[in-house]
Amino acid sequence: PTTFLDKLAYWTVKSLRFPTDVFFQRRYGCRAMMLETVAAVPGMVG
């Protein structure tokens, strides 16, 4: 990240990772399920 928008995007995503780590811990199967329900949204919106 170099520009302001880059840094805003980077730290927004990093801030979202902490509660995800706390909630799912090492339950990677359910973590993947949650990740994909969110990851499928941006392409459709864009």
All heavy atoms as atom14 arrays in JSON, in Angstrom:
{
  "sequence": "PTTFLDKLAYWTVKSLRFPTDVFFQRRYGCRAMMLETVAAVPGMVG",
  "atom14_mask": [
    [1, 1, 1, 1, 1, 1, 1, 0, 0, 0, 0, 0, 0, 0],
    [1, 1, 1, 1, 1, 1, 1, 0, 0, 0, 0, 0, 0, 0],
    [1, 1, 1, 1, 1, 1, 1, 0, 0, 0, 0, 0, 0, 0],
    [1, 1, 1, 1, 1, 1, 1, 1, 1, 1, 1, 0, 0, 0],
    [1, 1, 1, 1, 1, 1, 1, 1, 0, 0, 0, 0, 0, 0],
    [1, 1, 1, 1, 1, 1, 1, 1, 0, 0, 0, 0, 0, 0],
    [1, 1, 1, 1, 1, 1, 1, 1, 1, 0, 0, 0, 0, 0],
    [1, 1, 1, 1, 1, 1, 1, 1, 0, 0, 0, 0, 0, 0],
    [1, 1, 1, 1, 1, 0, 0, 0, 0, 0, 0, 0, 0, 0],
    [1, 1, 1, 1, 1, 1, 1, 1, 1, 1, 1, 1, 0, 0],
    [1, 1, 1, 1, 1, 1, 1, 1, 1, 1, 1, 1, 1, 1],
    [1, 1, 1, 1, 1, 1, 1, 0, 0, 0, 0, 0, 0, 0],
    [1, 1, 1, 1, 1, 1, 1, 0, 0, 0, 0, 0, 0, 0],
    [1, 1, 1, 1, 1, 1, 1, 1, 1, 0, 0, 0, 0, 0],
    [1, 1, 1, 1, 1, 1, 0, 0, 0, 0, 0, 0, 0, 0],
    [1, 1, 1, 1, 1, 1, 1, 1, 0, 0, 0, 0, 0, 0],
    [1, 1, 1, 1, 1, 1, 1, 1, 1, 1, 1, 0, 0, 0],
    [1, 1, 1, 1, 1, 1, 1, 1, 1, 1, 1, 0, 0, 0],
    [1, 1, 1, 1, 1, 1, 1, 0, 0, 0, 0, 0, 0, 0],
    [1, 1, 1, 1, 1, 1, 1, 0, 0, 0, 0, 0, 0, 0],
    [1, 1, 1, 1, 1, 1, 1, 1, 0, 0, 0, 0, 0, 0],
    [1, 1, 1, 1, 1, 1, 1, 0, 0, 0, 0, 0, 0, 0],
    [1, 1, 1, 1, 1, 1, 1, 1, 1, 1, 1, 0, 0, 0],
    [1, 1, 1, 1, 1, 1, 1, 1, 1, 1, 1, 0, 0, 0],
    [1, 1, 1, 1, 1, 1, 1, 1, 1, 0, 0, 0, 0, 0],
    [1, 1, 1, 1, 1, 1, 1, 1, 1, 1, 1, 0, 0, 0],
    [1, 1, 1, 1, 1, 1, 1, 1, 1, 1, 1, 0, 0, 0],
    [1, 1, 1, 1, 1, 1, 1, 1, 1, 1, 1, 1, 0, 0],
    [1, 1, 1, 1, 0, 0, 0, 0, 0, 0, 0, 0, 0, 0],
    [1, 1, 1, 1, 1, 1, 0, 0, 0, 0, 0, 0, 0, 0],
    [1, 1, 1, 1, 1, 1, 1, 1, 1, 1, 1, 0, 0, 0],
    [1, 1, 1, 1, 1, 0, 0, 0, 0, 0, 0, 0, 0, 0],
    [1, 1, 1, 1, 1, 1, 1, 1, 0, 0, 0, 0, 0, 0],
    [1, 1, 1, 1, 1, 1, 1, 1, 0, 0, 0, 0, 0, 0],
    [1, 1, 1, 1, 1, 1, 1, 1, 0, 0, 0, 0, 0, 0],
    [1, 1, 1, 1, 1, 1, 1, 1, 1, 0, 0, 0, 0, 0],
    [1, 1, 1, 1, 1, 1, 1, 0, 0, 0, 0, 0, 0, 0],
    [1, 1, 1, 1, 1, 1, 1, 0, 0, 0, 0, 0, 0, 0],
    [1, 1, 1, 1, 1, 0, 0, 0, 0, 0, 0, 0, 0, 0],
    [1, 1, 1, 1, 1, 0, 0, 0, 0, 0, 0, 0, 0, 0],
    [1, 1, 1, 1, 1, 1, 1, 0, 0, 0, 0, 0, 0, 0],
    [1, 1, 1, 1, 1, 1, 1, 0, 0, 0, 0, 0, 0, 0],
    [1, 1, 1, 1, 0, 0, 0, 0, 0, 0, 0, 0, 0, 0],
    [1, 1, 1, 1, 1, 1, 1, 1, 0, 0, 0, 0, 0, 0],
    [1, 1, 1, 1, 1, 1, 1, 0, 0, 0, 0, 0, 0, 0],
    [1, 1, 1, 1, 0, 0, 0, 0, 0, 0, 0, 0, 0, 0]
  ],
  "atom14_positions": [
    [[0.83, -1.21, 0.0], [0.0, 0.0, 0.0], [0.86, 1.26, 0.0], [1.75, 1.41, 0.84], [-0.81, -0.12, 1.3], [-0.03, -1.05, 2.17], [0.69, -1.99, 1.25], [0.0, 0.0, 0.0], [0.0, 0.0, 0.0], [0.0, 0.0, 0.0], [0.0, 0.0, 0.0], [0.0, 0.0, 0.0], [0.0, 0.0, 0.0], [0.0, 0.0, 0.0]],
    [[0.59, 2.13, -0.95], [1.35, 3.38, -1.06], [0.46, 4.61, -0.93], [0.76, 5.53, -0.18], [2.1, 3.43, -2.41], [1.16, 3.21, -3.48], [3.19, 2.35, -2.47], [0.0, 0.0, 0.0], [0.0, 0.0, 0.0], [0.0, 0.0, 0.0], [0.0, 0.0, 0.0], [0.0, 0.0, 0.0], [0.0, 0.0, 0.0], [0.0, 0.0, 0.0]],
    [[-0.66, 4.62, -1.66], [-1.56, 5.76, -1.61], [-2.48, 5.67, -0.4], [-2.54, 4.64, 0.3], [-2.42, 5.84, -2.88], [-3.3, 4.71, -2.92], [-1.54, 5.81, -4.13], [0.0, 0.0, 0.0], [0.0, 0.0, 0.0], [0.0, 0.0, 0.0], [0.0, 0.0, 0.0], [0.0, 0.0, 0.0], [0.0, 0.0, 0.0], [0.0, 0.0, 0.0]],
    [[-3.23, 6.74, -0.16], [-4.17, 6.76, 0.97], [-5.24, 5.68, 0.81], [-5.58, 4.98, 1.77], [-4.84, 8.14, 1.06], [-5.98, 8.18, 2.05], [-5.74, 8.2, 3.42], [-7.3, 8.17, 1.6], [-6.79, 8.21, 4.33], [-8.35, 8.19, 2.5], [-8.1, 8.22, 3.86], [0.0, 0.0, 0.0], [0.0, 0.0, 0.0], [0.0, 0.0, 0.0]],
    [[-5.76, 5.54, -0.43], [-6.79, 4.53, -0.67], [-6.25, 3.12, -0.45], [-6.94, 2.25, 0.09], [-7.35, 4.66, -2.09], [-8.24, 5.87, -2.36], [-8.74, 5.86, -3.8], [-9.42, 5.92, -1.4], [0.0, 0.0, 0.0], [0.0, 0.0, 0.0], [0.0, 0.0, 0.0], [0.0, 0.0, 0.0], [0.0, 0.0, 0.0], [0.0, 0.0, 0.0]],
    [[-5.0, 2.9, -0.86], [-4.37, 1.6, -0.63], [-4.31, 1.28, 0.86], [-4.66, 0.18, 1.29], [-2.95, 1.58, -1.19], [-2.92, 1.52, -2.71], [-4.0, 1.38, -3.31], [-1.83, 1.59, -3.28], [0.0, 0.0, 0.0], [0.0, 0.0, 0.0], [0.0, 0.0, 0.0], [0.0, 0.0, 0.0], [0.0, 0.0, 0.0], [0.0, 0.0, 0.0]],
    [[-3.84, 2.25, 1.62], [-3.69, 2.03, 3.06], [-5.05, 1.87, 3.75], [-5.19, 1.05, 4.67], [-2.92, 3.19, 3.68], [-1.47, 3.28, 3.2], [-0.75, 4.49, 3.77], [0.68, 4.56, 3.25], [1.4, 5.75, 3.75], [0.0, 0.0, 0.0], [0.0, 0.0, 0.0], [0.0, 0.0, 0.0], [0.0, 0.0, 0.0], [0.0, 0.0, 0.0]],
    [[-6.04, 2.62, 3.28], [-7.39, 2.49, 3.84], [-7.94, 1.08, 3.58], [-8.49, 0.44, 4.49], [-8.32, 3.53, 3.22], [-9.79, 3.48, 3.66], [-9.92, 3.69, 5.16], [-10.61, 4.53, 2.9], [0.0, 0.0, 0.0], [0.0, 0.0, 0.0], [0.0, 0.0, 0.0], [0.0, 0.0, 0.0], [0.0, 0.0, 0.0], [0.0, 0.0, 0.0]],
    [[-7.75, 0.59, 2.35], [-8.22, -0.75, 2.01], [-7.47, -1.81, 2.82], [-8.07, -2.75, 3.34], [-8.03, -0.99, 0.51], [0.0, 0.0, 0.0], [0.0, 0.0, 0.0], [0.0, 0.0, 0.0], [0.0, 0.0, 0.0], [0.0, 0.0, 0.0], [0.0, 0.0, 0.0], [0.0, 0.0, 0.0], [0.0, 0.0, 0.0], [0.0, 0.0, 0.0]],
    [[-6.16, -1.65, 2.92], [-5.32, -2.64, 3.61], [-5.7, -2.77, 5.08], [-5.92, -3.88, 5.59], [-3.85, -2.24, 3.47], [-2.89, -3.18, 4.16], [-2.54, -4.39, 3.57], [-2.32, -2.85, 5.39], [-1.66, -5.26, 4.18], [-1.44, -3.71, 6.02], [-1.11, -4.91, 5.41], [-0.23, -5.76, 6.04], [0.0, 0.0, 0.0], [0.0, 0.0, 0.0]],
    [[-5.81, -1.64, 5.76], [-6.09, -1.7, 7.2], [-7.55, -2.03, 7.5], [-7.87, -2.57, 8.57], [-5.68, -0.39, 7.87], [-4.19, -0.26, 7.94], [-3.4, 0.61, 7.26], [-3.31, -1.08, 8.72], [-2.07, 0.39, 7.54], [-1.99, -0.64, 8.45], [-3.5, -2.14, 9.61], [-0.87, -1.22, 9.05], [-2.39, -2.71, 10.21], [-1.1, -2.26, 9.92]],
    [[-8.45, -1.74, 6.55], [-9.83, -2.17, 6.7], [-9.91, -3.69, 6.72], [-10.58, -4.3, 7.58], [-10.71, -1.63, 5.56], [-10.72, -0.19, 5.62], [-12.13, -2.15, 5.67], [0.0, 0.0, 0.0], [0.0, 0.0, 0.0], [0.0, 0.0, 0.0], [0.0, 0.0, 0.0], [0.0, 0.0, 0.0], [0.0, 0.0, 0.0], [0.0, 0.0, 0.0]],
    [[-9.21, -4.31, 5.78], [-9.2, -5.78, 5.7], [-8.5, -6.38, 6.92], [-8.97, -7.37, 7.5], [-8.52, -6.25, 4.4], [-8.32, -7.76, 4.41], [-9.34, -5.82, 3.19], [0.0, 0.0, 0.0], [0.0, 0.0, 0.0], [0.0, 0.0, 0.0], [0.0, 0.0, 0.0], [0.0, 0.0, 0.0], [0.0, 0.0, 0.0], [0.0, 0.0, 0.0]],
    [[-7.39, -5.8, 7.34], [-6.67, -6.31, 8.51], [-7.53, -6.23, 9.76], [-7.48, -7.12, 10.62], [-5.37, -5.51, 8.71], [-4.26, -5.87, 7.75], [-3.79, -7.3, 7.95], [-2.61, -7.65, 7.07], [-2.19, -9.07, 7.21], [0.0, 0.0, 0.0], [0.0, 0.0, 0.0], [0.0, 0.0, 0.0], [0.0, 0.0, 0.0], [0.0, 0.0, 0.0]],
    [[-8.32, -5.17, 9.87], [-9.19, -5.02, 11.05], [-10.29, -6.06, 11.06], [-10.79, -6.45, 12.12], [-9.8, -3.61, 11.09], [-10.68, -3.41, 10.01], [0.0, 0.0, 0.0], [0.0, 0.0, 0.0], [0.0, 0.0, 0.0], [0.0, 0.0, 0.0], [0.0, 0.0, 0.0], [0.0, 0.0, 0.0], [0.0, 0.0, 0.0], [0.0, 0.0, 0.0]],
    [[-10.69, -6.54, 9.87], [-11.73, -7.56, 9.79], [-11.2, -8.95, 10.12], [-11.97, -9.85, 10.48], [-12.34, -7.57, 8.38], [-13.12, -6.32, 7.96], [-13.55, -6.44, 6.5], [-14.33, -6.11, 8.86], [0.0, 0.0, 0.0], [0.0, 0.0, 0.0], [0.0, 0.0, 0.0], [0.0, 0.0, 0.0], [0.0, 0.0, 0.0], [0.0, 0.0, 0.0]],
    [[-9.9, -9.13, 10.0], [-9.33, -10.45, 10.23], [-9.34, -10.82, 11.72], [-9.54, -11.99, 12.07], [-7.89, -10.49, 9.71], [-7.21, -11.82, 9.95], [-5.83, -11.86, 9.38], [-5.1, -13.04, 9.82], [-3.87, -13.33, 9.47], [-3.2, -12.52, 8.66], [-3.28, -14.41, 9.92], [0.0, 0.0, 0.0], [0.0, 0.0, 0.0], [0.0, 0.0, 0.0]],
    [[-9.14, -9.85, 12.59], [-9.04, -10.15, 14.03], [-10.3, -10.82, 14.57], [-10.2, -11.9, 15.19], [-8.73, -8.87, 14.82], [-8.71, -9.08, 16.31], [-7.64, -9.74, 16.91], [-9.76, -8.64, 17.1], [-7.62, -9.96, 18.29], [-9.75, -8.85, 18.47], [-8.68, -9.51, 19.06], [0.0, 0.0, 0.0], [0.0, 0.0, 0.0], [0.0, 0.0, 0.0]],
    [[-11.51, -10.25, 14.38], [-12.7, -10.94, 14.92], [-12.93, -12.29, 14.26], [-13.46, -13.21, 14.9], [-13.84, -9.96, 14.61], [-13.32, -9.09, 13.52], [-11.86, -8.97, 13.75], [0.0, 0.0, 0.0], [0.0, 0.0, 0.0], [0.0, 0.0, 0.0], [0.0, 0.0, 0.0], [0.0, 0.0, 0.0], [0.0, 0.0, 0.0], [0.0, 0.0, 0.0]],
    [[-12.51, -12.44, 13.0], [-12.66, -13.73, 12.32], [-11.77, -14.79, 12.98], [-12.2, -15.93, 13.21], [-12.29, -13.6, 10.83], [-13.09, -12.58, 10.23], [-12.52, -14.92, 10.1], [0.0, 0.0, 0.0], [0.0, 0.0, 0.0], [0.0, 0.0, 0.0], [0.0, 0.0, 0.0], [0.0, 0.0, 0.0], [0.0, 0.0, 0.0], [0.0, 0.0, 0.0]],
    [[-10.52, -14.4, 13.3], [-9.61, -15.33, 13.97], [-10.13, -15.73, 15.35], [-10.04, -16.89, 15.75], [-8.22, -14.68, 14.13], [-7.49, -14.57, 12.8], [-7.87, -15.27, 11.86], [-6.53, -13.77, 12.71], [0.0, 0.0, 0.0], [0.0, 0.0, 0.0], [0.0, 0.0, 0.0], [0.0, 0.0, 0.0], [0.0, 0.0, 0.0], [0.0, 0.0, 0.0]],
    [[-10.7, -14.76, 16.06], [-11.21, -15.04, 17.4], [-12.42, -15.96, 17.34], [-12.54, -16.92, 18.13], [-11.59, -13.72, 18.11], [-12.33, -14.01, 19.42], [-10.35, -12.88, 18.37], [0.0, 0.0, 0.0], [0.0, 0.0, 0.0], [0.0, 0.0, 0.0], [0.0, 0.0, 0.0], [0.0, 0.0, 0.0], [0.0, 0.0, 0.0], [0.0, 0.0, 0.0]],
    [[-13.3, -15.73, 16.39], [-14.55, -16.5, 16.31], [-14.32, -17.93, 15.82], [-14.8, -18.88, 16.44], [-15.54, -15.79, 15.39], [-16.91, -16.41, 15.39], [-17.84, -16.08, 16.36], [-17.27, -17.33, 14.41], [-19.1, -16.66, 16.36], [-18.52, -17.92, 14.41], [-19.44, -17.58, 15.38], [0.0, 0.0, 0.0], [0.0, 0.0, 0.0], [0.0, 0.0, 0.0]],
    [[-13.58, -18.08, 14.72], [-13.44, -19.41, 14.12], [-12.21, -20.16, 14.61], [-12.17, -21.39, 14.55], [-13.37, -19.29, 12.59], [-14.68, -18.93, 11.96], [-14.92, -17.64, 11.53], [-15.68, -19.86, 11.82], [-16.13, -17.29, 10.95], [-16.91, -19.54, 11.26], [-17.12, -18.23, 10.81], [0.0, 0.0, 0.0], [0.0, 0.0, 0.0], [0.0, 0.0, 0.0]],
    [[-11.19, -19.42, 15.08], [-9.96, -20.04, 15.54], [-9.42, -21.0, 14.47], [-9.09, -20.58, 13.38], [-10.18, -20.71, 16.89], [-10.59, -19.73, 17.98], [-10.79, -20.35, 19.33], [-10.6, -21.54, 19.53], [-11.16, -19.53, 20.3], [0.0, 0.0, 0.0], [0.0, 0.0, 0.0], [0.0, 0.0, 0.0], [0.0, 0.0, 0.0], [0.0, 0.0, 0.0]],
    [[-9.35, -22.3, 14.76], [-8.8, -23.24, 13.78], [-9.87, -24.12, 13.12], [-9.55, -25.16, 12.55], [-7.73, -24.12, 14.45], [-6.52, -23.31, 14.92], [-5.4, -24.2, 15.37], [-4.24, -23.42, 15.76], [-3.34, -22.93, 14.93], [-3.45, -23.14, 13.63], [-2.31, -22.22, 15.38], [0.0, 0.0, 0.0], [0.0, 0.0, 0.0], [0.0, 0.0, 0.0]],
    [[-11.1, -23.67, 13.15], [-12.17, -24.39, 12.44], [-12.18, -23.9, 10.99], [-13.02, -23.11, 10.57], [-13.52, -24.16, 13.11], [-13.57, -24.68, 14.55], [-14.96, -24.59, 15.12], [-15.88, -25.49, 14.44], [-17.08, -25.1, 14.0], [-17.49, -23.86, 14.14], [-17.87, -25.98, 13.4], [0.0, 0.0, 0.0], [0.0, 0.0, 0.0], [0.0, 0.0, 0.0]],
    [[-11.2, -24.38, 10.22], [-10.97, -23.83, 8.89], [-12.06, -24.19, 7.89], [-12.26, -23.47, 6.9], [-9.6, -24.28, 8.37], [-8.47, -23.58, 9.08], [-7.72, -24.24, 10.06], [-8.16, -22.26, 8.81], [-6.7, -23.59, 10.73], [-7.15, -21.6, 9.47], [-6.41, -22.28, 10.43], [-5.4, -21.63, 11.11], [0.0, 0.0, 0.0], [0.0, 0.0, 0.0]],
    [[-12.75, -25.29, 8.08], [-13.85, -25.63, 7.19], [-14.96, -24.6, 7.26], [-15.41, -24.07, 6.24], [0.0, 0.0, 0.0], [0.0, 0.0, 0.0], [0.0, 0.0, 0.0], [0.0, 0.0, 0.0], [0.0, 0.0, 0.0], [0.0, 0.0, 0.0], [0.0, 0.0, 0.0], [0.0, 0.0, 0.0], [0.0, 0.0, 0.0], [0.0, 0.0, 0.0]],
    [[-15.4, -24.27, 8.48], [-16.44, -23.26, 8.66], [-15.92, -21.87, 8.35], [-16.66, -21.0, 7.87], [-16.98, -23.31, 10.09], [-17.99, -24.78, 10.41], [0.0, 0.0, 0.0], [0.0, 0.0, 0.0], [0.0, 0.0, 0.0], [0.0, 0.0, 0.0], [0.0, 0.0, 0.0], [0.0, 0.0, 0.0], [0.0, 0.0, 0.0], [0.0, 0.0, 0.0]],
    [[-14.64, -21.65, 8.61], [-14.03, -20.36, 8.27], [-14.08, -20.15, 6.75], [-14.38, -19.05, 6.28], [-12.58, -20.35, 8.76], [-11.85, -19.02, 8.57], [-10.38, -19.19, 8.86], [-9.65, -17.95, 8.81], [-9.2, -17.3, 9.86], [-9.41, -17.78, 11.07], [-8.53, -16.17, 9.72], [0.0, 0.0, 0.0], [0.0, 0.0, 0.0], [0.0, 0.0, 0.0]],
    [[-13.78, -21.21, 6.0], [-13.83, -21.13, 4.54], [-15.26, -20.86, 4.07], [-15.49, -20.07, 3.14], [-13.31, -22.42, 3.92], [0.0, 0.0, 0.0], [0.0, 0.0, 0.0], [0.0, 0.0, 0.0], [0.0, 0.0, 0.0], [0.0, 0.0, 0.0], [0.0, 0.0, 0.0], [0.0, 0.0, 0.0], [0.0, 0.0, 0.0], [0.0, 0.0, 0.0]],
    [[-16.23, -21.51, 4.73], [-17.62, -21.29, 4.38], [-18.01, -19.82, 4.56], [-18.61, -19.22, 3.67], [-18.52, -22.19, 5.24], [-19.99, -22.03, 4.94], [-21.11, -21.69, 6.3], [-20.2, -21.21, 7.7], [0.0, 0.0, 0.0], [0.0, 0.0, 0.0], [0.0, 0.0, 0.0], [0.0, 0.0, 0.0], [0.0, 0.0, 0.0], [0.0, 0.0, 0.0]],
    [[-17.63, -19.24, 5.68], [-17.92, -17.83, 5.93], [-17.2, -16.93, 4.92], [-17.79, -15.99, 4.36], [-17.48, -17.46, 7.35], [-17.49, -15.96, 7.65], [-19.12, -15.24, 7.53], [-19.84, -15.89, 9.03], [0.0, 0.0, 0.0], [0.0, 0.0, 0.0], [0.0, 0.0, 0.0], [0.0, 0.0, 0.0], [0.0, 0.0, 0.0], [0.0, 0.0, 0.0]],
    [[-15.94, -17.24, 4.65], [-15.14, -16.44, 3.73], [-15.78, -16.4, 2.35], [-15.87, -15.33, 1.72], [-13.73, -17.02, 3.64], [-12.76, -16.35, 2.66], [-12.46, -14.93, 3.11], [-11.47, -17.15, 2.55], [0.0, 0.0, 0.0], [0.0, 0.0, 0.0], [0.0, 0.0, 0.0], [0.0, 0.0, 0.0], [0.0, 0.0, 0.0], [0.0, 0.0, 0.0]],
    [[-16.26, -17.56, 1.88], [-16.8, -17.62, 0.52], [-18.15, -16.93, 0.4], [-18.5, -16.44, -0.67], [-16.89, -19.07, 0.06], [-15.58, -19.84, 0.06], [-14.49, -19.18, -0.77], [-14.8, -18.28, -1.58], [-13.31, -19.56, -0.61], [0.0, 0.0, 0.0], [0.0, 0.0, 0.0], [0.0, 0.0, 0.0], [0.0, 0.0, 0.0], [0.0, 0.0, 0.0]],
    [[-18.96, -16.9, 1.47], [-20.23, -16.19, 1.39], [-20.01, -14.7, 1.23], [-20.85, -13.99, 0.67], [-21.09, -16.44, 2.64], [-20.41, -15.98, 3.81], [-21.41, -17.92, 2.8], [0.0, 0.0, 0.0], [0.0, 0.0, 0.0], [0.0, 0.0, 0.0], [0.0, 0.0, 0.0], [0.0, 0.0, 0.0], [0.0, 0.0, 0.0], [0.0, 0.0, 0.0]],
    [[-18.87, -14.2, 1.72], [-18.53, -12.79, 1.57], [-17.79, -12.55, 0.26], [-18.05, -11.57, -0.45], [-17.67, -12.31, 2.77], [-17.14, -10.9, 2.53], [-18.48, -12.36, 4.06], [0.0, 0.0, 0.0], [0.0, 0.0, 0.0], [0.0, 0.0, 0.0], [0.0, 0.0, 0.0], [0.0, 0.0, 0.0], [0.0, 0.0, 0.0], [0.0, 0.0, 0.0]],
    [[-16.86, -13.45, -0.07], [-16.01, -13.26, -1.25], [-16.8, -13.29, -2.55], [-16.35, -12.75, -3.57], [-14.92, -14.34, -1.29], [0.0, 0.0, 0.0], [0.0, 0.0, 0.0], [0.0, 0.0, 0.0], [0.0, 0.0, 0.0], [0.0, 0.0, 0.0], [0.0, 0.0, 0.0], [0.0, 0.0, 0.0], [0.0, 0.0, 0.0], [0.0, 0.0, 0.0]],
    [[-17.99, -13.9, -2.55], [-18.79, -13.97, -3.76], [-19.61, -12.71, -4.01], [-20.23, -12.57, -5.06], [-19.73, -15.18, -3.7], [0.0, 0.0, 0.0], [0.0, 0.0, 0.0], [0.0, 0.0, 0.0], [0.0, 0.0, 0.0], [0.0, 0.0, 0.0], [0.0, 0.0, 0.0], [0.0, 0.0, 0.0], [0.0, 0.0, 0.0], [0.0, 0.0, 0.0]],
    [[-19.59, -11.77, -3.07], [-20.37, -10.54, -3.2], [-19.72, -9.5, -4.11], [-20.39, -8.96, -5.0], [-20.67, -9.94, -1.8], [-21.26, -8.53, -1.93], [-21.6, -10.84, -1.02], [0.0, 0.0, 0.0], [0.0, 0.0, 0.0], [0.0, 0.0, 0.0], [0.0, 0.0, 0.0], [0.0, 0.0, 0.0], [0.0, 0.0, 0.0], [0.0, 0.0, 0.0]],
    [[-18.42, -9.17, -3.95], [-17.83, -8.07, -4.73], [-17.94, -8.23, -6.24], [-18.26, -7.26, -6.95], [-16.36, -8.08, -4.29], [-16.4, -8.66, -2.92], [-17.46, -9.69, -2.96], [0.0, 0.0, 0.0], [0.0, 0.0, 0.0], [0.0, 0.0, 0.0], [0.0, 0.0, 0.0], [0.0, 0.0, 0.0], [0.0, 0.0, 0.0], [0.0, 0.0, 0.0]],
    [[-17.69, -9.42, -6.76], [-17.77, -9.62, -8.2], [-19.17, -9.35, -8.73], [-19.34, -8.75, -9.8], [0.0, 0.0, 0.0], [0.0, 0.0, 0.0], [0.0, 0.0, 0.0], [0.0, 0.0, 0.0], [0.0, 0.0, 0.0], [0.0, 0.0, 0.0], [0.0, 0.0, 0.0], [0.0, 0.0, 0.0], [0.0, 0.0, 0.0], [0.0, 0.0, 0.0]],
    [[-20.18, -9.78, -7.99], [-21.56, -9.56, -8.41], [-21.92, -8.08, -8.35], [-22.56, -7.54, -9.26], [-22.51, -10.38, -7.53], [-23.96, -10.31, -7.94], [-24.25, -10.91, -9.62], [-23.84, -12.65, -9.45], [0.0, 0.0, 0.0], [0.0, 0.0, 0.0], [0.0, 0.0, 0.0], [0.0, 0.0, 0.0], [0.0, 0.0, 0.0], [0.0, 0.0, 0.0]],
    [[-21.51, -7.4, -7.29], [-21.79, -5.97, -7.16], [-21.08, -5.19, -8.27], [-21.68, -4.35, -8.95], [-21.35, -5.45, -5.77], [-21.42, -3.92, -5.73], [-22.22, -6.04, -4.68], [0.0, 0.0, 0.0], [0.0, 0.0, 0.0], [0.0, 0.0, 0.0], [0.0, 0.0, 0.0], [0.0, 0.0, 0.0], [0.0, 0.0, 0.0], [0.0, 0.0, 0.0]],
    [[-19.78, -5.46, -8.45], [-19.02, -4.76, -9.47], [-19.56, -5.03, -10.87], [-19.72, -4.1, -11.68], [0.0, 0.0, 0.0], [0.0, 0.0, 0.0], [0.0, 0.0, 0.0], [0.0, 0.0, 0.0], [0.0, 0.0, 0.0], [0.0, 0.0, 0.0], [0.0, 0.0, 0.0], [0.0, 0.0, 0.0], [0.0, 0.0, 0.0], [0.0, 0.0, 0.0]]
  ]
}
